[in-house]
Structure formats: C-alpha cells, structure tokens
Protein backbone atom coordinates (compact mmCIF):
# COMPACT_ATOMS: atom_id res chain seq x y z
CA UNK A 1 -122.12 -53.60 55.03
CA UNK A 2 -123.45 -56.90 53.77
CA UNK A 3 -122.38 -60.08 55.44
CA UNK A 4 -121.96 -62.95 53.01
CA UNK A 5 -122.51 -65.56 55.71
CA UNK A 6 -125.28 -66.11 58.23
CA UNK A 7 -123.33 -66.69 61.45
CA UNK A 8 -124.02 -64.43 64.41
CA UNK A 9 -120.95 -62.75 65.86
CA UNK A 10 -120.78 -61.35 69.37
CA UNK A 11 -118.15 -58.85 70.43
CA UNK A 12 -117.73 -58.77 74.18
CA UNK A 13 -115.92 -56.07 76.12
CA UNK A 14 -114.55 -56.62 79.60
CA UNK A 15 -112.72 -54.32 81.96
CA UNK A 16 -110.48 -55.98 84.53
CA UNK A 17 -108.36 -54.45 87.26
CA UNK A 18 -105.80 -56.44 89.23
CA UNK A 19 -107.21 -59.60 87.67
CA UNK A 20 -110.76 -58.90 88.86
CA UNK A 21 -113.66 -58.29 86.51
CA UNK A 22 -114.90 -54.75 86.99
CA UNK A 23 -117.40 -54.34 84.16
CA UNK A 24 -118.79 -56.27 81.21
CA UNK A 25 -122.05 -56.38 79.26
CA UNK A 26 -123.80 -58.45 81.93
CA UNK A 27 -122.97 -55.88 84.59
CA UNK A 28 -124.18 -53.09 82.34
CA UNK A 29 -127.42 -55.08 81.92
CA UNK A 30 -127.64 -55.23 85.72
CA UNK A 31 -127.42 -51.44 85.94
CA UNK A 32 -130.07 -51.16 83.22
CA UNK A 33 -132.30 -53.52 85.22
CA UNK A 34 -131.79 -51.39 88.35
CA UNK A 35 -133.00 -48.39 86.33
CA UNK A 36 -136.06 -50.36 85.23
CA UNK A 37 -136.99 -51.95 88.57
CA UNK A 38 -135.50 -49.41 91.02
CA UNK A 39 -134.31 -52.34 93.10
CA UNK A 40 -131.04 -54.23 93.08
CA UNK A 41 -132.84 -57.24 94.58
CA UNK A 42 -135.43 -57.39 91.80
CA UNK A 43 -132.82 -56.63 89.13
CA UNK A 44 -130.61 -59.46 90.41
CA UNK A 45 -133.55 -61.90 90.47
CA UNK A 46 -134.64 -60.97 86.95
CA UNK A 47 -131.10 -61.56 85.63
CA UNK A 48 -130.49 -64.74 87.65
CA UNK A 49 -127.88 -63.32 90.05
CA UNK A 50 -127.71 -63.58 93.79
CA UNK A 51 -128.09 -60.33 95.69
CA UNK A 52 -124.43 -60.54 96.81
CA UNK A 53 -123.18 -61.06 93.25
CA UNK A 54 -125.21 -58.08 92.06
CA UNK A 55 -124.07 -55.91 94.96
CA UNK A 56 -120.41 -56.81 94.42
CA UNK A 57 -120.75 -55.97 90.71
CA UNK A 58 -122.13 -52.47 91.22
CA UNK A 59 -119.83 -51.83 94.16
CA UNK A 60 -116.83 -52.69 91.97
CA UNK A 61 -117.97 -50.18 89.37
CA UNK A 62 -118.50 -47.53 92.05
CA UNK A 63 -114.93 -48.05 93.26
CA UNK A 64 -113.62 -47.61 89.71
CA UNK A 65 -115.35 -44.30 88.96
CA UNK A 66 -114.62 -40.93 90.60
CA UNK A 67 -118.34 -40.57 91.46
CA UNK A 68 -120.83 -43.35 92.21
CA UNK A 69 -122.71 -44.95 89.34
CA UNK A 70 -125.12 -46.57 91.74
CA UNK A 71 -126.65 -45.53 95.06
CA UNK A 72 -128.75 -47.47 97.53
CA UNK A 73 -130.80 -46.25 100.46
CA UNK A 74 -131.93 -48.74 103.07
CA UNK A 75 -135.06 -48.76 105.17
CA UNK A 76 -138.55 -47.47 104.76
CA UNK A 77 -141.90 -49.24 104.86
CA UNK A 78 -141.49 -50.84 101.44
CA UNK A 79 -137.74 -51.39 101.72
CA UNK A 80 -134.90 -49.36 100.34
CA UNK A 81 -134.51 -47.42 97.15
CA UNK A 82 -131.87 -48.09 94.53
CA UNK A 83 -130.89 -45.76 91.73
CA UNK A 84 -128.37 -45.42 88.95
CA UNK A 85 -126.88 -41.93 89.01
CA UNK A 86 -126.27 -39.67 86.03
CA UNK A 87 -122.65 -40.86 86.12
CA UNK A 88 -123.91 -44.44 85.87
CA UNK A 89 -126.32 -43.61 83.06
CA UNK A 90 -123.53 -41.88 81.13
CA UNK A 91 -121.28 -44.89 81.72
CA UNK A 92 -123.99 -47.25 80.40
CA UNK A 93 -124.47 -45.07 77.32
CA UNK A 94 -120.74 -44.87 76.68
CA UNK A 95 -120.25 -48.62 77.18
CA UNK A 96 -123.08 -49.50 74.79
CA UNK A 97 -121.70 -47.06 72.20
CA UNK A 98 -118.23 -48.61 72.56
CA UNK A 99 -119.70 -52.11 72.14
CA UNK A 100 -121.51 -51.06 68.98
CA UNK A 101 -118.47 -49.28 67.56
CA UNK A 102 -116.18 -52.27 68.19
CA UNK A 103 -118.72 -54.75 66.84
CA UNK A 104 -119.22 -52.68 63.69
CA UNK A 105 -115.45 -52.42 63.08
CA UNK A 106 -114.90 -56.15 63.61
CA UNK A 107 -117.82 -57.05 61.36
CA UNK A 108 -116.35 -54.76 58.69
CA UNK A 109 -113.10 -56.71 58.95
CA UNK A 110 -114.97 -60.00 58.69
CA UNK A 111 -117.00 -58.76 55.73
CA UNK A 112 -113.86 -57.44 54.02
CA UNK A 113 -112.07 -60.75 54.57
CA UNK A 114 -115.10 -62.72 53.31
CA UNK A 115 -115.35 -60.65 50.16
CA UNK A 116 -111.61 -60.92 49.58
CA UNK A 117 -111.31 -64.66 50.13
CA UNK A 118 -114.94 -65.75 49.59
CA UNK A 119 -114.82 -67.64 52.90
CA UNK A 120 -115.84 -66.79 56.43
CA UNK A 121 -112.90 -66.24 58.78
CA UNK A 122 -112.68 -68.42 61.86
CA UNK A 123 -112.69 -65.83 64.65
CA UNK A 124 -112.92 -67.74 67.89
CA UNK A 125 -111.34 -65.33 70.32
CA UNK A 126 -110.41 -61.70 70.09
CA UNK A 127 -108.79 -60.48 73.27
CA UNK A 128 -107.65 -56.88 73.49
CA UNK A 129 -105.61 -55.85 76.51
CA UNK A 130 -104.19 -52.48 77.39
CA UNK A 131 -101.80 -51.98 80.26
C-alpha cells in the first residue's frame, strides 16, 4: 500500500469495562517494561507513571483475565520480584497483532479514499464500541 500523503496516523485501541479503562497501548507498554526491568517500580518510573497508577493498571488487567497476566512477590534482600506470566505475554502479543491489523485496515481505507478522491480524508476520531 502506498500512501499518497505524508501524515502519520495512529490507531489506538482501548478496552473499557463499566466506564473504567482496563487496557490500552500505554498499559501494554507497561507490561512490556515489566518484562524488561522485572520490576513494576522501575517500569513505572521509566514510563513516567506513579507506582500506584502502574499497580492499578496491571491489577485491572488481572481482574479481567481468567488467569493473572502479572504477578508480584514482595520481600527479599533486593526487594520483590515482578513478572509477566505466559497469559500476559500472550495478551501482549495478541494486543499488538490486533493494533497492527486495525491500523493496516484503516490505512488501506485512507489510501483507497485518497486514490479515489486525490485528497487525504480528515479522520480525527474513530471510536469503535461493542456492547
């Protein structure tokens, strides 16, 4: 697919339950940072979140899934240990694949519309909700 314009488009996915944000790309990035740093504290600092914000984010995801995506063990000489489980890793992989798929489809629509009308469409908000 060739885009006839140079704008950058971002497709963002969000999952909400009862009006509360459960998961989005930033929370997936937090889980990825936990994998990298093996610490929710360090991951939160690297991404500019407070510890409480980071904890609430992963706890919300854990409550959504049938098995935990994230586990934390407290204590020890050097502090606790934090890990993303196989369930969490699979969720990250699936989320990133879904983001890519949706972005590719939307960009195909944009490219098709640009080629048809020779102008870039003005997509400002695409909000998909399922109930």
